[in-house]
Amino acid sequence: SLQPEDTAMYYCAAKGGMCDLAPDDFSDWG
């Protein structure tokens, strides 16, 4: 059910520790 508002560059990221959605907490990026 994709919407125009979903238009973006999508990135995969990885980190240790507890999960969150704070970009600055992730060390590895595609």
Full PDB file with SEQRES, HELIX, SHEET, SSBOND, CRYST1, ORIGX, SCALE, CONECT and MASTER records, all heavy atoms in Angstrom:
SEQRES   1 A   30  SER LEU GLN PRO GLU ASP THR ALA MET TYR TYR CYS ALA          
SEQRES   2 A   30  ALA LYS GLY GLY MET CYS ASP LEU ALA PRO ASP ASP PHE          
SEQRES   3 A   30  SER ASP TRP GLY                                              
HELIX    1 AA1 PRO A    4  ASP A    6  5                                   3    
HELIX    2 AA2 PRO A   23  ASP A   25  5                                   3    
SHEET    1 AA1 2 ALA A  13  ALA A  14  0                                        
SHEET    2 AA1 2 ASP A  28  TRP A  29 -1                                        
CRYST1    1.000    1.000    1.000  90.00  90.00  90.00 P 1           1          
ORIGX1      1.000000  0.000000  0.000000        0.00000                         
ORIGX2      0.000000  1.000000  0.000000        0.00000                         
ORIGX3      0.000000  0.000000  1.000000        0.00000                         
SCALE1      1.000000  0.000000  0.000000        0.00000                         
SCALE2      0.000000  1.000000  0.000000        0.00000                         
SCALE3      0.000000  0.000000  1.000000        0.00000                         
ATOM      1  N   SER A   1       0.827  -1.212   0.000  1.00  0.00           N  
ATOM      2  CA  SER A   1       0.000   0.000   0.000  1.00  0.00           C  
ATOM      3  C   SER A   1       0.855   1.253   0.000  1.00  0.00           C  
ATOM      4  O   SER A   1       0.635   2.192   0.775  1.00  0.00           O  
ATOM      5  CB  SER A   1      -0.946  -0.007   1.205  1.00  0.00           C  
ATOM      6  OG  SER A   1      -1.785  -1.144   1.181  1.00  0.00           O  
ATOM      7  N   LEU A   2       1.828   1.269  -0.867  1.00  0.00           N  
ATOM      8  CA  LEU A   2       2.750   2.397  -0.922  1.00  0.00           C  
ATOM      9  C   LEU A   2       2.038   3.683  -1.303  1.00  0.00           C  
ATOM     10  O   LEU A   2       1.116   3.678  -2.117  1.00  0.00           O  
ATOM     11  CB  LEU A   2       3.872   2.114  -1.911  1.00  0.00           C  
ATOM     12  CG  LEU A   2       4.947   1.147  -1.395  1.00  0.00           C  
ATOM     13  CD1 LEU A   2       5.779   0.600  -2.550  1.00  0.00           C  
ATOM     14  CD2 LEU A   2       5.838   1.849  -0.379  1.00  0.00           C  
ATOM     15  N   GLN A   3       2.466   4.763  -0.706  1.00  0.00           N  
ATOM     16  CA  GLN A   3       1.911   6.078  -0.926  1.00  0.00           C  
ATOM     17  C   GLN A   3       2.997   7.008  -1.439  1.00  0.00           C  
ATOM     18  O   GLN A   3       4.179   6.768  -1.212  1.00  0.00           O  
ATOM     19  CB  GLN A   3       1.329   6.640   0.379  1.00  0.00           C  
ATOM     20  CG  GLN A   3       0.312   5.744   1.055  1.00  0.00           C  
ATOM     21  CD  GLN A   3      -0.033   6.200   2.459  1.00  0.00           C  
ATOM     22  OE1 GLN A   3       0.214   7.351   2.829  1.00  0.00           O  
ATOM     23  NE2 GLN A   3      -0.600   5.307   3.243  1.00  0.00           N  
ATOM     24  N   PRO A   4       2.619   8.088  -2.122  1.00  0.00           N  
ATOM     25  CA  PRO A   4       3.637   9.044  -2.578  1.00  0.00           C  
ATOM     26  C   PRO A   4       4.523   9.553  -1.453  1.00  0.00           C  
ATOM     27  O   PRO A   4       5.702   9.838  -1.685  1.00  0.00           O  
ATOM     28  CB  PRO A   4       2.801  10.167  -3.193  1.00  0.00           C  
ATOM     29  CG  PRO A   4       1.562   9.480  -3.661  1.00  0.00           C  
ATOM     30  CD  PRO A   4       1.280   8.425  -2.627  1.00  0.00           C  
ATOM     31  N   GLU A   5       3.987   9.649  -0.249  1.00  0.00           N  
ATOM     32  CA  GLU A   5       4.759  10.108   0.900  1.00  0.00           C  
ATOM     33  C   GLU A   5       5.867   9.133   1.285  1.00  0.00           C  
ATOM     34  O   GLU A   5       6.754   9.492   2.069  1.00  0.00           O  
ATOM     35  CB  GLU A   5       3.844  10.329   2.108  1.00  0.00           C  
ATOM     36  CG  GLU A   5       2.726  11.333   1.859  1.00  0.00           C  
ATOM     37  CD  GLU A   5       1.545  10.712   1.128  1.00  0.00           C  
ATOM     38  OE1 GLU A   5       0.895   9.809   1.698  1.00  0.00           O  
ATOM     39  OE2 GLU A   5       1.266  11.132  -0.017  1.00  0.00           O  
ATOM     40  N   ASP A   6       5.830   7.917   0.773  1.00  0.00           N  
ATOM     41  CA  ASP A   6       6.874   6.936   1.040  1.00  0.00           C  
ATOM     42  C   ASP A   6       8.080   7.110   0.129  1.00  0.00           C  
ATOM     43  O   ASP A   6       9.088   6.417   0.308  1.00  0.00           O  
ATOM     44  CB  ASP A   6       6.330   5.515   0.884  1.00  0.00           C  
ATOM     45  CG  ASP A   6       5.233   5.198   1.881  1.00  0.00           C  
ATOM     46  OD1 ASP A   6       5.386   5.539   3.069  1.00  0.00           O  
ATOM     47  OD2 ASP A   6       4.218   4.598   1.461  1.00  0.00           O  
ATOM     48  N   THR A   7       7.990   7.989  -0.839  1.00  0.00           N  
ATOM     49  CA  THR A   7       9.099   8.237  -1.746  1.00  0.00           C  
ATOM     50  C   THR A   7      10.308   8.729  -0.969  1.00  0.00           C  
ATOM     51  O   THR A   7      10.229   9.714  -0.241  1.00  0.00           O  
ATOM     52  CB  THR A   7       8.707   9.265  -2.810  1.00  0.00           C  
ATOM     53  OG1 THR A   7       7.656   8.726  -3.624  1.00  0.00           O  
ATOM     54  CG2 THR A   7       9.893   9.617  -3.694  1.00  0.00           C  
ATOM     55  N   ALA A   8      11.426   8.033  -1.116  1.00  0.00           N  
ATOM     56  CA  ALA A   8      12.630   8.375  -0.376  1.00  0.00           C  
ATOM     57  C   ALA A   8      13.761   7.437  -0.781  1.00  0.00           C  
ATOM     58  O   ALA A   8      13.544   6.428  -1.456  1.00  0.00           O  
ATOM     59  CB  ALA A   8      12.396   8.264   1.136  1.00  0.00           C  
ATOM     60  N   MET A   9      14.962   7.788  -0.357  1.00  0.00           N  
ATOM     61  CA  MET A   9      16.066   6.853  -0.399  1.00  0.00           C  
ATOM     62  C   MET A   9      15.989   6.013   0.873  1.00  0.00           C  
ATOM     63  O   MET A   9      15.912   6.564   1.976  1.00  0.00           O  
ATOM     64  CB  MET A   9      17.397   7.586  -0.480  1.00  0.00           C  
ATOM     65  CG  MET A   9      18.596   6.679  -0.654  1.00  0.00           C  
ATOM     66  SD  MET A   9      18.718   5.974  -2.317  1.00  0.00           S  
ATOM     67  CE  MET A   9      19.256   7.415  -3.251  1.00  0.00           C  
ATOM     68  N   TYR A  10      16.001   4.715   0.717  1.00  0.00           N  
ATOM     69  CA  TYR A  10      15.897   3.807   1.846  1.00  0.00           C  
ATOM     70  C   TYR A  10      17.257   3.205   2.162  1.00  0.00           C  
ATOM     71  O   TYR A  10      17.949   2.707   1.270  1.00  0.00           O  
ATOM     72  CB  TYR A  10      14.889   2.702   1.551  1.00  0.00           C  
ATOM     73  CG  TYR A  10      13.460   3.165   1.693  1.00  0.00           C  
ATOM     74  CD1 TYR A  10      12.898   4.026   0.757  1.00  0.00           C  
ATOM     75  CD2 TYR A  10      12.678   2.762   2.776  1.00  0.00           C  
ATOM     76  CE1 TYR A  10      11.596   4.477   0.893  1.00  0.00           C  
ATOM     77  CE2 TYR A  10      11.370   3.199   2.910  1.00  0.00           C  
ATOM     78  CZ  TYR A  10      10.834   4.054   1.971  1.00  0.00           C  
ATOM     79  OH  TYR A  10       9.532   4.493   2.107  1.00  0.00           O  
ATOM     80  N   TYR A  11      17.617   3.241   3.444  1.00  0.00           N  
ATOM     81  CA  TYR A  11      18.915   2.783   3.900  1.00  0.00           C  
ATOM     82  C   TYR A  11      18.777   1.655   4.904  1.00  0.00           C  
ATOM     83  O   TYR A  11      17.909   1.695   5.776  1.00  0.00           O  
ATOM     84  CB  TYR A  11      19.691   3.918   4.573  1.00  0.00           C  
ATOM     85  CG  TYR A  11      19.994   5.092   3.679  1.00  0.00           C  
ATOM     86  CD1 TYR A  11      19.110   6.159   3.586  1.00  0.00           C  
ATOM     87  CD2 TYR A  11      21.168   5.137   2.943  1.00  0.00           C  
ATOM     88  CE1 TYR A  11      19.391   7.245   2.772  1.00  0.00           C  
ATOM     89  CE2 TYR A  11      21.453   6.216   2.133  1.00  0.00           C  
ATOM     90  CZ  TYR A  11      20.569   7.264   2.052  1.00  0.00           C  
ATOM     91  OH  TYR A  11      20.844   8.346   1.255  1.00  0.00           O  
ATOM     92  N   CYS A  12      19.641   0.694   4.805  1.00  0.00           N  
ATOM     93  CA  CYS A  12      19.787  -0.355   5.796  1.00  0.00           C  
ATOM     94  C   CYS A  12      20.896   0.044   6.763  1.00  0.00           C  
ATOM     95  O   CYS A  12      21.893   0.646   6.360  1.00  0.00           O  
ATOM     96  CB  CYS A  12      20.123  -1.670   5.100  1.00  0.00           C  
ATOM     97  SG  CYS A  12      20.359  -3.073   6.194  1.00  0.00           S  
ATOM     98  N   ALA A  13      20.715  -0.273   8.037  1.00  0.00           N  
ATOM     99  CA  ALA A  13      21.707   0.082   9.037  1.00  0.00           C  
ATOM    100  C   ALA A  13      21.802  -1.003  10.094  1.00  0.00           C  
ATOM    101  O   ALA A  13      20.872  -1.788  10.288  1.00  0.00           O  
ATOM    102  CB  ALA A  13      21.350   1.422   9.695  1.00  0.00           C  
ATOM    103  N   ALA A  14      22.932  -1.036  10.796  1.00  0.00           N  
ATOM    104  CA  ALA A  14      23.166  -2.043  11.819  1.00  0.00           C  
ATOM    105  C   ALA A  14      23.923  -1.438  12.995  1.00  0.00           C  
ATOM    106  O   ALA A  14      24.692  -0.486  12.832  1.00  0.00           O  
ATOM    107  CB  ALA A  14      23.960  -3.221  11.247  1.00  0.00           C  
ATOM    108  N   LYS A  15      23.700  -2.014  14.157  1.00  0.00           N  
ATOM    109  CA  LYS A  15      24.411  -1.583  15.342  1.00  0.00           C  
ATOM    110  C   LYS A  15      24.346  -2.650  16.411  1.00  0.00           C  
ATOM    111  O   LYS A  15      23.550  -3.589  16.333  1.00  0.00           O  
ATOM    112  CB  LYS A  15      23.841  -0.268  15.891  1.00  0.00           C  
ATOM    113  CG  LYS A  15      22.522  -0.408  16.628  1.00  0.00           C  
ATOM    114  CD  LYS A  15      22.037   0.950  17.109  1.00  0.00           C  
ATOM    115  CE  LYS A  15      20.856   0.845  18.054  1.00  0.00           C  
ATOM    116  NZ  LYS A  15      21.288   0.356  19.396  1.00  0.00           N  
ATOM    117  N   GLY A  16      25.173  -2.513  17.436  1.00  0.00           N  
ATOM    118  CA  GLY A  16      25.073  -3.332  18.616  1.00  0.00           C  
ATOM    119  C   GLY A  16      24.153  -2.693  19.628  1.00  0.00           C  
ATOM    120  O   GLY A  16      23.679  -1.569  19.449  1.00  0.00           O  
ATOM    121  N   GLY A  17      23.894  -3.422  20.705  1.00  0.00           N  
ATOM    122  CA  GLY A  17      23.053  -2.891  21.753  1.00  0.00           C  
ATOM    123  C   GLY A  17      21.574  -2.978  21.429  1.00  0.00           C  
ATOM    124  O   GLY A  17      21.157  -3.625  20.477  1.00  0.00           O  
ATOM    125  N   MET A  18      20.781  -2.288  22.239  1.00  0.00           N  
ATOM    126  CA  MET A  18      19.337  -2.315  22.076  1.00  0.00           C  
ATOM    127  C   MET A  18      18.899  -1.587  20.813  1.00  0.00           C  
ATOM    128  O   MET A  18      19.519  -0.617  20.384  1.00  0.00           O  
ATOM    129  CB  MET A  18      18.656  -1.699  23.299  1.00  0.00           C  
ATOM    130  CG  MET A  18      18.887  -2.465  24.586  1.00  0.00           C  
ATOM    131  SD  MET A  18      18.000  -1.756  25.989  1.00  0.00           S  
ATOM    132  CE  MET A  18      16.306  -1.990  25.462  1.00  0.00           C  
ATOM    133  N   CYS A  19      17.815  -2.060  20.240  1.00  0.00           N  
ATOM    134  CA  CYS A  19      17.293  -1.470  19.022  1.00  0.00           C  
ATOM    135  C   CYS A  19      16.584  -0.151  19.299  1.00  0.00           C  
ATOM    136  O   CYS A  19      15.933   0.026  20.331  1.00  0.00           O  
ATOM    137  CB  CYS A  19      16.317  -2.421  18.338  1.00  0.00           C  
ATOM    138  SG  CYS A  19      17.082  -3.824  17.516  1.00  0.00           S  
ATOM    139  N   ASP A  20      16.715   0.750  18.356  1.00  0.00           N  
ATOM    140  CA  ASP A  20      15.967   1.991  18.349  1.00  0.00           C  
ATOM    141  C   ASP A  20      15.953   2.504  16.919  1.00  0.00           C  
ATOM    142  O   ASP A  20      16.482   1.857  16.013  1.00  0.00           O  
ATOM    143  CB  ASP A  20      16.555   3.030  19.317  1.00  0.00           C  
ATOM    144  CG  ASP A  20      18.014   3.358  19.032  1.00  0.00           C  
ATOM    145  OD1 ASP A  20      18.377   3.543  17.846  1.00  0.00           O  
ATOM    146  OD2 ASP A  20      18.799   3.442  19.995  1.00  0.00           O  
ATOM    147  N   LEU A  21      15.345   3.654  16.711  1.00  0.00           N  
ATOM    148  CA  LEU A  21      15.284   4.242  15.378  1.00  0.00           C  
ATOM    149  C   LEU A  21      15.931   5.613  15.354  1.00  0.00           C  
ATOM    150  O   LEU A  21      15.478   6.520  14.647  1.00  0.00           O  
ATOM    151  CB  LEU A  21      13.835   4.313  14.894  1.00  0.00           C  
ATOM    152  CG  LEU A  21      13.197   2.968  14.543  1.00  0.00           C  
ATOM    153  CD1 LEU A  21      11.736   3.151  14.144  1.00  0.00           C  
ATOM    154  CD2 LEU A  21      13.960   2.274  13.426  1.00  0.00           C  
ATOM    155  N   ALA A  22      16.999   5.745  16.114  1.00  0.00           N  
ATOM    156  CA  ALA A  22      17.772   6.975  16.125  1.00  0.00           C  
ATOM    157  C   ALA A  22      18.946   6.821  15.166  1.00  0.00           C  
ATOM    158  O   ALA A  22      19.850   6.024  15.423  1.00  0.00           O  
ATOM    159  CB  ALA A  22      18.270   7.290  17.529  1.00  0.00           C  
ATOM    160  N   PRO A  23      18.962   7.557  14.062  1.00  0.00           N  
ATOM    161  CA  PRO A  23      20.028   7.371  13.065  1.00  0.00           C  
ATOM    162  C   PRO A  23      21.435   7.505  13.615  1.00  0.00           C  
ATOM    163  O   PRO A  23      22.332   6.761  13.202  1.00  0.00           O  
ATOM    164  CB  PRO A  23      19.727   8.471  12.037  1.00  0.00           C  
ATOM    165  CG  PRO A  23      18.268   8.737  12.173  1.00  0.00           C  
ATOM    166  CD  PRO A  23      17.971   8.556  13.630  1.00  0.00           C  
ATOM    167  N   ASP A  24      21.637   8.420  14.549  1.00  0.00           N  
ATOM    168  CA  ASP A  24      22.979   8.663  15.071  1.00  0.00           C  
ATOM    169  C   ASP A  24      23.513   7.496  15.881  1.00  0.00           C  
ATOM    170  O   ASP A  24      24.715   7.435  16.143  1.00  0.00           O  
ATOM    171  CB  ASP A  24      22.991   9.928  15.925  1.00  0.00           C  
ATOM    172  CG  ASP A  24      22.796  11.183  15.108  1.00  0.00           C  
ATOM    173  OD1 ASP A  24      22.908  11.115  13.865  1.00  0.00           O  
ATOM    174  OD2 ASP A  24      22.537  12.242  15.711  1.00  0.00           O  
ATOM    175  N   ASP A  25      22.660   6.581  16.286  1.00  0.00           N  
ATOM    176  CA  ASP A  25      23.092   5.434  17.078  1.00  0.00           C  
ATOM    177  C   ASP A  25      23.627   4.295  16.228  1.00  0.00           C  
ATOM    178  O   ASP A  25      24.198   3.350  16.780  1.00  0.00           O  
ATOM    179  CB  ASP A  25      21.940   4.920  17.938  1.00  0.00           C  
ATOM    180  CG  ASP A  25      21.564   5.868  19.062  1.00  0.00           C  
ATOM    181  OD1 ASP A  25      22.348   6.775  19.373  1.00  0.00           O  
ATOM    182  OD2 ASP A  25      20.470   5.687  19.629  1.00  0.00           O  
ATOM    183  N   PHE A  26      23.463   4.360  14.924  1.00  0.00           N  
ATOM    184  CA  PHE A  26      23.864   3.274  14.048  1.00  0.00           C  
ATOM    185  C   PHE A  26      25.233   3.542  13.444  1.00  0.00           C  
ATOM    186  O   PHE A  26      25.498   4.641  12.949  1.00  0.00           O  
ATOM    187  CB  PHE A  26      22.830   3.056  12.945  1.00  0.00           C  
ATOM    188  CG  PHE A  26      21.582   2.380  13.436  1.00  0.00           C  
ATOM    189  CD1 PHE A  26      20.630   3.081  14.142  1.00  0.00           C  
ATOM    190  CD2 PHE A  26      21.379   1.030  13.197  1.00  0.00           C  
ATOM    191  CE1 PHE A  26      19.486   2.456  14.615  1.00  0.00           C  
ATOM    192  CE2 PHE A  26      20.240   0.393  13.655  1.00  0.00           C  
ATOM    193  CZ  PHE A  26      19.294   1.104  14.366  1.00  0.00           C  
ATOM    194  N   SER A  27      26.075   2.530  13.469  1.00  0.00           N  
ATOM    195  CA  SER A  27      27.453   2.675  13.027  1.00  0.00           C  
ATOM    196  C   SER A  27      27.700   2.186  11.603  1.00  0.00           C  
ATOM    197  O   SER A  27      28.638   2.649  10.945  1.00  0.00           O  
ATOM    198  CB  SER A  27      28.385   1.922  13.980  1.00  0.00           C  
ATOM    199  OG  SER A  27      28.019   0.549  14.073  1.00  0.00           O  
ATOM    200  N   ASP A  28      26.885   1.260  11.127  1.00  0.00           N  
ATOM    201  CA  ASP A  28      27.080   0.663   9.812  1.00  0.00           C  
ATOM    202  C   ASP A  28      25.884   0.963   8.925  1.00  0.00           C  
ATOM    203  O   ASP A  28      24.737   0.748   9.314  1.00  0.00           O  
ATOM    204  CB  ASP A  28      27.276  -0.846   9.928  1.00  0.00           C  
ATOM    205  CG  ASP A  28      28.487  -1.212  10.763  1.00  0.00           C  
ATOM    206  OD1 ASP A  28      29.574  -0.690  10.476  1.00  0.00           O  
ATOM    207  OD2 ASP A  28      28.337  -2.013  11.708  1.00  0.00           O  
ATOM    208  N   TRP A  29      26.171   1.437   7.725  1.00  0.00           N  
ATOM    209  CA  TRP A  29      25.125   1.859   6.797  1.00  0.00           C  
ATOM    210  C   TRP A  29      25.384   1.349   5.389  1.00  0.00           C  
ATOM    211  O   TRP A  29      26.533   1.290   4.944  1.00  0.00           O  
ATOM    212  CB  TRP A  29      25.042   3.389   6.736  1.00  0.00           C  
ATOM    213  CG  TRP A  29      24.557   4.024   7.991  1.00  0.00           C  
ATOM    214  CD1 TRP A  29      25.301   4.346   9.085  1.00  0.00           C  
ATOM    215  CD2 TRP A  29      23.213   4.424   8.272  1.00  0.00           C  
ATOM    216  NE1 TRP A  29      24.494   4.926  10.041  1.00  0.00           N  
ATOM    217  CE2 TRP A  29      23.217   4.983   9.564  1.00  0.00           C  
ATOM    218  CE3 TRP A  29      22.023   4.363   7.555  1.00  0.00           C  
ATOM    219  CZ2 TRP A  29      22.058   5.482  10.158  1.00  0.00           C  
ATOM    220  CZ3 TRP A  29      20.872   4.860   8.143  1.00  0.00           C  
ATOM    221  CH2 TRP A  29      20.900   5.409   9.428  1.00  0.00           C  
ATOM    222  N   GLY A  30      24.303   1.006   4.688  1.00  0.00           N  
ATOM    223  CA  GLY A  30      24.392   0.779   3.266  1.00  0.00           C  
ATOM    224  C   GLY A  30      24.343   2.105   2.528  1.00  0.00           C  
ATOM    225  O   GLY A  30      24.215   3.173   3.127  1.00  0.00           O  
TER     226      GLY A  30                                                      
MASTER        0    0    0    2    2    0    0    6  225    1    0    3          
END                                                                             
